[in-house]
C-alpha atoms as a PDB file:
ATOM      1  CA  MET A   1       0.000   0.000   0.000  1.00  0.00           C
ATOM      2  CA  THR A   2       1.204   3.489  -0.849  1.00  0.00           C
ATOM      3  CA  GLN A   3       2.262   5.683   2.063  1.00  0.00           C
ATOM      4  CA  LEU A   4      -0.167   8.293   3.404  1.00  0.00           C
ATOM      5  CA  PHE A   5       1.075  11.881   3.473  1.00  0.00           C
ATOM      6  CA  LEU A   6      -0.631  14.718   5.359  1.00  0.00           C
ATOM      7  CA  ARG A   7      -0.148  18.347   4.394  1.00  0.00           C
ATOM      8  CA  PRO A   8      -1.899  21.686   4.806  1.00  0.00           C
ATOM      9  CA  ALA A   9      -4.571  22.242   2.169  1.00  0.00           C
ATOM     10  CA  ILE A  10      -3.967  25.020  -0.318  1.00  0.00           C
ATOM     11  CA  LYS A  11      -6.563  26.935  -2.345  1.00  0.00           C
ATOM     12  CA  GLU A  12      -5.801  24.746  -5.370  1.00  0.00           C
ATOM     13  CA  ASP A  13      -7.121  21.785  -3.326  1.00  0.00           C
ATOM     14  CA  ASN A  14     -10.627  23.267  -3.041  1.00  0.00           C
ATOM     15  CA  PHE A  15     -11.975  21.409  -6.079  1.00  0.00           C
ATOM     16  CA  VAL A  16     -10.668  17.987  -5.045  1.00  0.00           C
ATOM     17  CA  ILE A  17     -11.800  18.613  -1.454  1.00  0.00           C
ATOM     18  CA  SER A  18     -15.246  19.385  -2.860  1.00  0.00           C
ATOM     19  CA  GLU A  19     -15.167  16.181  -4.924  1.00  0.00           C
ATOM     20  CA  ILE A  20     -14.325  14.219  -1.775  1.00  0.00           C
ATOM     21  CA  SER A  21     -17.058  16.007   0.160  1.00  0.00           C
ATOM     22  CA  VAL A  22     -19.705  15.213  -2.471  1.00  0.00           C
ATOM     23  CA  ALA A  23     -18.570  11.577  -2.749  1.00  0.00           C
ATOM     24  CA  GLY A  24     -18.555  11.317   1.037  1.00  0.00           C
ATOM     25  CA  TRP A  25     -22.055  12.769   1.341  1.00  0.00           C
ATOM     26  CA  ARG A  26     -23.417  10.405  -1.320  1.00  0.00           C
ATOM     27  CA  PHE A  27     -21.807   7.428   0.409  1.00  0.00           C
ATOM     28  CA  ALA A  28     -22.517   8.282   4.049  1.00  0.00           C
ATOM     29  CA  TYR A  29     -25.939   9.912   3.783  1.00  0.00           C
ATOM     30  CA  ARG A  30     -27.644   7.618   1.239  1.00  0.00           C
ATOM     31  CA  GLY A  31     -30.741   6.339   3.010  1.00  0.00           C
ATOM     32  CA  ILE A  32     -30.525   9.179   5.561  1.00  0.00           C
ATOM     33  CA  MET A  33     -31.053  12.186   3.287  1.00  0.00           C
ATOM     34  CA  ALA A  34     -33.331  12.280   0.281  1.00  0.00           C
ATOM     35  CA  ASP A  35     -31.791  10.788  -2.867  1.00  0.00           C
ATOM     36  CA  GLU A  36     -32.764  13.966  -4.733  1.00  0.00           C
ATOM     37  CA  VAL A  37     -30.633  16.073  -2.396  1.00  0.00           C
ATOM     38  CA  LEU A  38     -27.626  13.776  -2.786  1.00  0.00           C
ATOM     39  CA  ASP A  39     -28.008  13.309  -6.536  1.00  0.00           C
ATOM     40  CA  ASN A  40     -28.165  17.080  -7.071  1.00  0.00           C
ATOM     41  CA  LEU A  41     -24.960  17.913  -5.196  1.00  0.00           C
ATOM     42  CA  ASP A  42     -22.726  19.948  -7.476  1.00  0.00           C
ATOM     43  CA  VAL A  43     -18.951  19.788  -7.062  1.00  0.00           C
ATOM     44  CA  GLU A  44     -18.352  23.090  -8.839  1.00  0.00           C
ATOM     45  CA  LYS A  45     -20.906  24.920  -6.669  1.00  0.00           C
ATOM     46  CA  ARG A  46     -19.439  23.349  -3.559  1.00  0.00           C
ATOM     47  CA  ALA A  47     -15.905  24.365  -4.594  1.00  0.00           C
ATOM     48  CA  ALA A  48     -17.027  27.948  -5.232  1.00  0.00           C
ATOM     49  CA  GLY A  49     -18.796  28.002  -1.884  1.00  0.00           C
ATOM     50  CA  ARG A  50     -15.744  26.611  -0.120  1.00  0.00           C
ATOM     51  CA  THR A  51     -13.480  29.228  -1.718  1.00  0.00           C
ATOM     52  CA  ALA A  52     -15.795  32.013  -0.535  1.00  0.00           C
ATOM     53  CA  PHE A  53     -16.185  30.433   2.915  1.00  0.00           C
ATOM     54  CA  LEU A  54     -12.438  30.119   3.459  1.00  0.00           C
ATOM     55  CA  LYS A  55     -11.996  33.858   2.910  1.00  0.00           C
ATOM     56  CA  THR A  56     -13.879  34.518   6.159  1.00  0.00           C
ATOM     57  CA  ALA A  57     -13.516  31.307   8.167  1.00  0.00           C
ATOM     58  CA  HIS A  58     -10.657  30.961  10.605  1.00  0.00           C
ATOM     59  CA  LEU A  59      -9.935  27.282  10.317  1.00  0.00           C
ATOM     60  CA  GLU A  60      -7.134  24.942   9.436  1.00  0.00           C
ATOM     61  CA  ALA A  61      -7.540  22.483   6.599  1.00  0.00           C
ATOM     62  CA  TYR A  62      -5.350  19.470   5.865  1.00  0.00           C
ATOM     63  CA  VAL A  63      -5.473  16.875   3.136  1.00  0.00           C
ATOM     64  CA  CYS A  64      -4.260  13.297   3.054  1.00  0.00           C
ATOM     65  CA  GLU A  65      -2.529  12.112  -0.081  1.00  0.00           C
ATOM     66  CA  GLN A  66      -1.969   8.521  -1.064  1.00  0.00           C
ATOM     67  CA  GLY A  67       0.490   8.492  -3.903  1.00  0.00           C
ATOM     68  CA  GLU A  68      -0.511  11.378  -6.154  1.00  0.00           C
ATOM     69  CA  GLN A  69      -4.175  11.332  -5.105  1.00  0.00           C
ATOM     70  CA  VAL A  70      -5.838  13.381  -2.369  1.00  0.00           C
ATOM     71  CA  VAL A  71      -8.054  10.835  -0.574  1.00  0.00           C
ATOM     72  CA  GLY A  72      -9.342  12.777   2.434  1.00  0.00           C
ATOM     73  CA  PHE A  73      -9.449  16.080   4.273  1.00  0.00           C
ATOM     74  CA  VAL A  74     -10.168  17.589   7.667  1.00  0.00           C
ATOM     75  CA  ASP A  75     -11.190  21.123   8.659  1.00  0.00           C
ATOM     76  CA  PHE A  76     -10.827  22.210  12.296  1.00  0.00           C
ATOM     77  CA  ALA A  77     -10.698  25.293  14.497  1.00  0.00           C
ATOM     78  CA  LYS A  78     -12.173  26.761  17.666  1.00  0.00           C
ATOM     79  CA  SER A  79     -15.679  25.470  18.348  1.00  0.00           C
ATOM     80  CA  ARG A  80     -18.513  27.445  16.776  1.00  0.00           C
ATOM     81  CA  ASP A  81     -20.880  26.510  19.612  1.00  0.00           C
ATOM     82  CA  ASP A  82     -22.014  29.238  21.990  1.00  0.00           C
ATOM     83  CA  ASP A  83     -22.453  26.872  24.936  1.00  0.00           C
ATOM     84  CA  VAL A  84     -18.824  25.695  25.247  1.00  0.00           C
ATOM     85  CA  GLU A  85     -15.676  27.203  26.730  1.00  0.00           C
ATOM     86  CA  ASP A  86     -13.042  28.947  24.615  1.00  0.00           C
ATOM     87  CA  THR A  87     -10.761  25.955  25.167  1.00  0.00           C
ATOM     88  CA  VAL A  88     -12.949  23.689  23.016  1.00  0.00           C
ATOM     89  CA  GLY A  89     -11.895  22.987  19.437  1.00  0.00           C
ATOM     90  CA  GLU A  90     -14.085  21.504  16.754  1.00  0.00           C
ATOM     91  CA  VAL A  91     -13.657  19.256  13.746  1.00  0.00           C
ATOM     92  CA  TRP A  92     -15.829  21.162  11.284  1.00  0.00           C
ATOM     93  CA  ALA A  93     -15.571  18.497   8.567  1.00  0.00           C
ATOM     94  CA  ILE A  94     -13.744  15.238   7.938  1.00  0.00           C
ATOM     95  CA  TYR A  95     -14.326  13.191   4.802  1.00  0.00           C
ATOM     96  CA  VAL A  96     -12.532  10.333   3.060  1.00  0.00           C
ATOM     97  CA  LEU A  97     -13.130   9.009  -0.439  1.00  0.00           C
ATOM     98  CA  PRO A  98     -15.390   5.958  -0.064  1.00  0.00           C
ATOM     99  CA  GLU A  99     -12.829   3.721  -1.790  1.00  0.00           C
ATOM    100  CA  ALA A 100     -10.164   4.818   0.728  1.00  0.00           C
ATOM    101  CA  ILE A 101     -12.226   4.005   3.837  1.00  0.00           C
ATOM    102  CA  GLY A 102     -10.501   1.396   5.991  1.00  0.00           C
ATOM    103  CA  ARG A 103      -6.953   2.443   5.030  1.00  0.00           C
ATOM    104  CA  GLY A 104      -6.329   4.604   8.110  1.00  0.00           C
ATOM    105  CA  VAL A 105      -6.938   7.909   6.311  1.00  0.00           C
ATOM    106  CA  GLY A 106      -9.656   9.092   8.701  1.00  0.00           C
ATOM    107  CA  GLN A 107      -7.645   8.006  11.736  1.00  0.00           C
ATOM    108  CA  ARG A 108      -4.586   9.912  10.553  1.00  0.00           C
ATOM    109  CA  LEU A 109      -6.592  13.056   9.774  1.00  0.00           C
ATOM    110  CA  MET A 110      -8.380  12.949  13.142  1.00  0.00           C
ATOM    111  CA  ALA A 111      -5.115  12.382  15.023  1.00  0.00           C
ATOM    112  CA  LEU A 112      -3.575  15.364  13.221  1.00  0.00           C
ATOM    113  CA  ALA A 113      -6.515  17.623  14.122  1.00  0.00           C
ATOM    114  CA  GLU A 114      -6.308  16.502  17.757  1.00  0.00           C
ATOM    115  CA  GLN A 115      -2.565  17.121  17.921  1.00  0.00           C
ATOM    116  CA  LYS A 116      -2.731  20.535  16.247  1.00  0.00           C
ATOM    117  CA  LEU A 117      -5.592  21.730  18.455  1.00  0.00           C
ATOM    118  CA  ALA A 118      -3.924  20.426  21.623  1.00  0.00           C
ATOM    119  CA  THR A 119      -0.716  22.312  20.810  1.00  0.00           C
ATOM    120  CA  GLN A 120      -2.831  25.470  20.384  1.00  0.00           C
ATOM    121  CA  GLY A 121      -4.130  25.093  23.958  1.00  0.00           C
ATOM    122  CA  PHE A 122      -7.488  23.465  23.303  1.00  0.00           C
ATOM    123  CA  THR A 123      -8.385  20.945  26.016  1.00  0.00           C
ATOM    124  CA  GLU A 124     -11.439  19.350  24.390  1.00  0.00           C
ATOM    125  CA  LEU A 125     -12.609  18.573  20.892  1.00  0.00           C
ATOM    126  CA  THR A 126     -16.169  18.406  19.567  1.00  0.00           C
ATOM    127  CA  LEU A 127     -17.818  17.512  16.294  1.00  0.00           C
ATOM    128  CA  TRP A 128     -21.363  17.185  15.002  1.00  0.00           C
ATOM    129  CA  VAL A 129     -22.676  14.028  13.329  1.00  0.00           C
ATOM    130  CA  LEU A 130     -26.071  13.050  11.969  1.00  0.00           C
ATOM    131  CA  ALA A 131     -27.772  10.778  14.494  1.00  0.00           C
ATOM    132  CA  ASP A 132     -28.554   8.214  11.769  1.00  0.00           C
ATOM    133  CA  ASN A 133     -24.966   8.106  10.458  1.00  0.00           C
ATOM    134  CA  HIS A 134     -24.065   4.993  12.429  1.00  0.00           C
ATOM    135  CA  GLN A 135     -20.844   4.267  10.544  1.00  0.00           C
ATOM    136  CA  ALA A 136     -19.417   7.703  11.372  1.00  0.00           C
ATOM    137  CA  ARG A 137     -20.621   7.465  14.968  1.00  0.00           C
ATOM    138  CA  ARG A 138     -18.781   4.137  15.381  1.00  0.00           C
ATOM    139  CA  PHE A 139     -15.621   5.730  13.917  1.00  0.00           C
ATOM    140  CA  TYR A 140     -15.826   8.645  16.373  1.00  0.00           C
ATOM    141  CA  GLU A 141     -16.529   6.351  19.307  1.00  0.00           C
ATOM    142  CA  ARG A 142     -13.500   4.178  18.435  1.00  0.00           C
ATOM    143  CA  ALA A 143     -11.475   7.428  18.376  1.00  0.00           C
ATOM    144  CA  GLY A 144     -12.537   8.160  21.967  1.00  0.00           C
ATOM    145  CA  PHE A 145     -15.450  10.529  21.368  1.00  0.00           C
ATOM    146  CA  ALA A 146     -18.745  10.246  23.247  1.00  0.00           C
ATOM    147  CA  CYS A 147     -22.071  11.974  22.759  1.00  0.00           C
ATOM    148  CA  ASP A 148     -22.269  14.892  25.216  1.00  0.00           C
ATOM    149  CA  GLY A 149     -26.029  15.464  24.979  1.00  0.00           C
ATOM    150  CA  GLY A 150     -25.839  18.349  22.505  1.00  0.00           C
ATOM    151  CA  GLU A 151     -28.454  18.121  19.749  1.00  0.00           C
ATOM    152  CA  LYS A 152     -29.595  20.333  16.904  1.00  0.00           C
ATOM    153  CA  THR A 153     -31.473  20.064  13.646  1.00  0.00           C
ATOM    154  CA  TYR A 154     -29.287  20.037  10.543  1.00  0.00           C
ATOM    155  CA  ARG A 155     -30.295  23.135   8.600  1.00  0.00           C
ATOM    156  CA  ASP A 156     -33.943  22.772   7.520  1.00  0.00           C
ATOM    157  CA  SER A 157     -33.700  19.037   6.896  1.00  0.00           C
ATOM    158  CA  GLY A 158     -35.455  17.828  10.022  1.00  0.00           C
ATOM    159  CA  LEU A 159     -32.468  15.541  10.634  1.00  0.00           C
ATOM    160  CA  THR A 160     -30.972  15.453  14.110  1.00  0.00           C
ATOM    161  CA  GLU A 161     -27.281  16.075  14.685  1.00  0.00           C
ATOM    162  CA  LEU A 162     -25.545  14.915  17.850  1.00  0.00           C
ATOM    163  CA  ARG A 163     -22.514  16.582  19.366  1.00  0.00           C
ATOM    164  CA  TYR A 164     -19.612  14.315  20.233  1.00  0.00           C
ATOM    165  CA  ARG A 165     -16.828  15.393  22.576  1.00  0.00           C
ATOM    166  CA  LYS A 166     -13.369  14.178  23.518  1.00  0.00           C
ATOM    167  CA  SER A 167     -10.787  15.357  26.040  1.00  0.00           C
ATOM    168  CA  LEU A 168      -7.431  16.336  24.556  1.00  0.00           C
ATOM    169  CA  CYS A 169      -5.619  16.181  27.906  1.00  0.00           C
END
């Protein structure tokens, strides 16, 4: 197997990150979200949105390469939640190409986010996951996260998101 290499994302990665995001959504949310929503995801629109978002967002983004191919990414920063302390970081997004799942890509990206946030003084890490996304929830639980009771509705979808939390100390 080709070695995995992690590096900071650059603006030229936005399109491939958007491709991974769309592929990840279609894989992970099929049967959870409406097929119409998933089938109508547009990589170019997502890339344009990400480019605009990154101009105002204060987050770090890293990609994982296997050989010459970017196979996953993670975005992280200070938590966006109003009900947590300033010492809480958040994984805003983590996605891996479906064909790369099981190769340690997600584990490496999560470990990197944890390490970077811990060195910045964050003592806890949170993330939000759809309640019905059982595969992702198992991944987070194996990584030491537990549901902390936080819940919200994902946009206007009616789908419930759960907040997971992990100590970085």
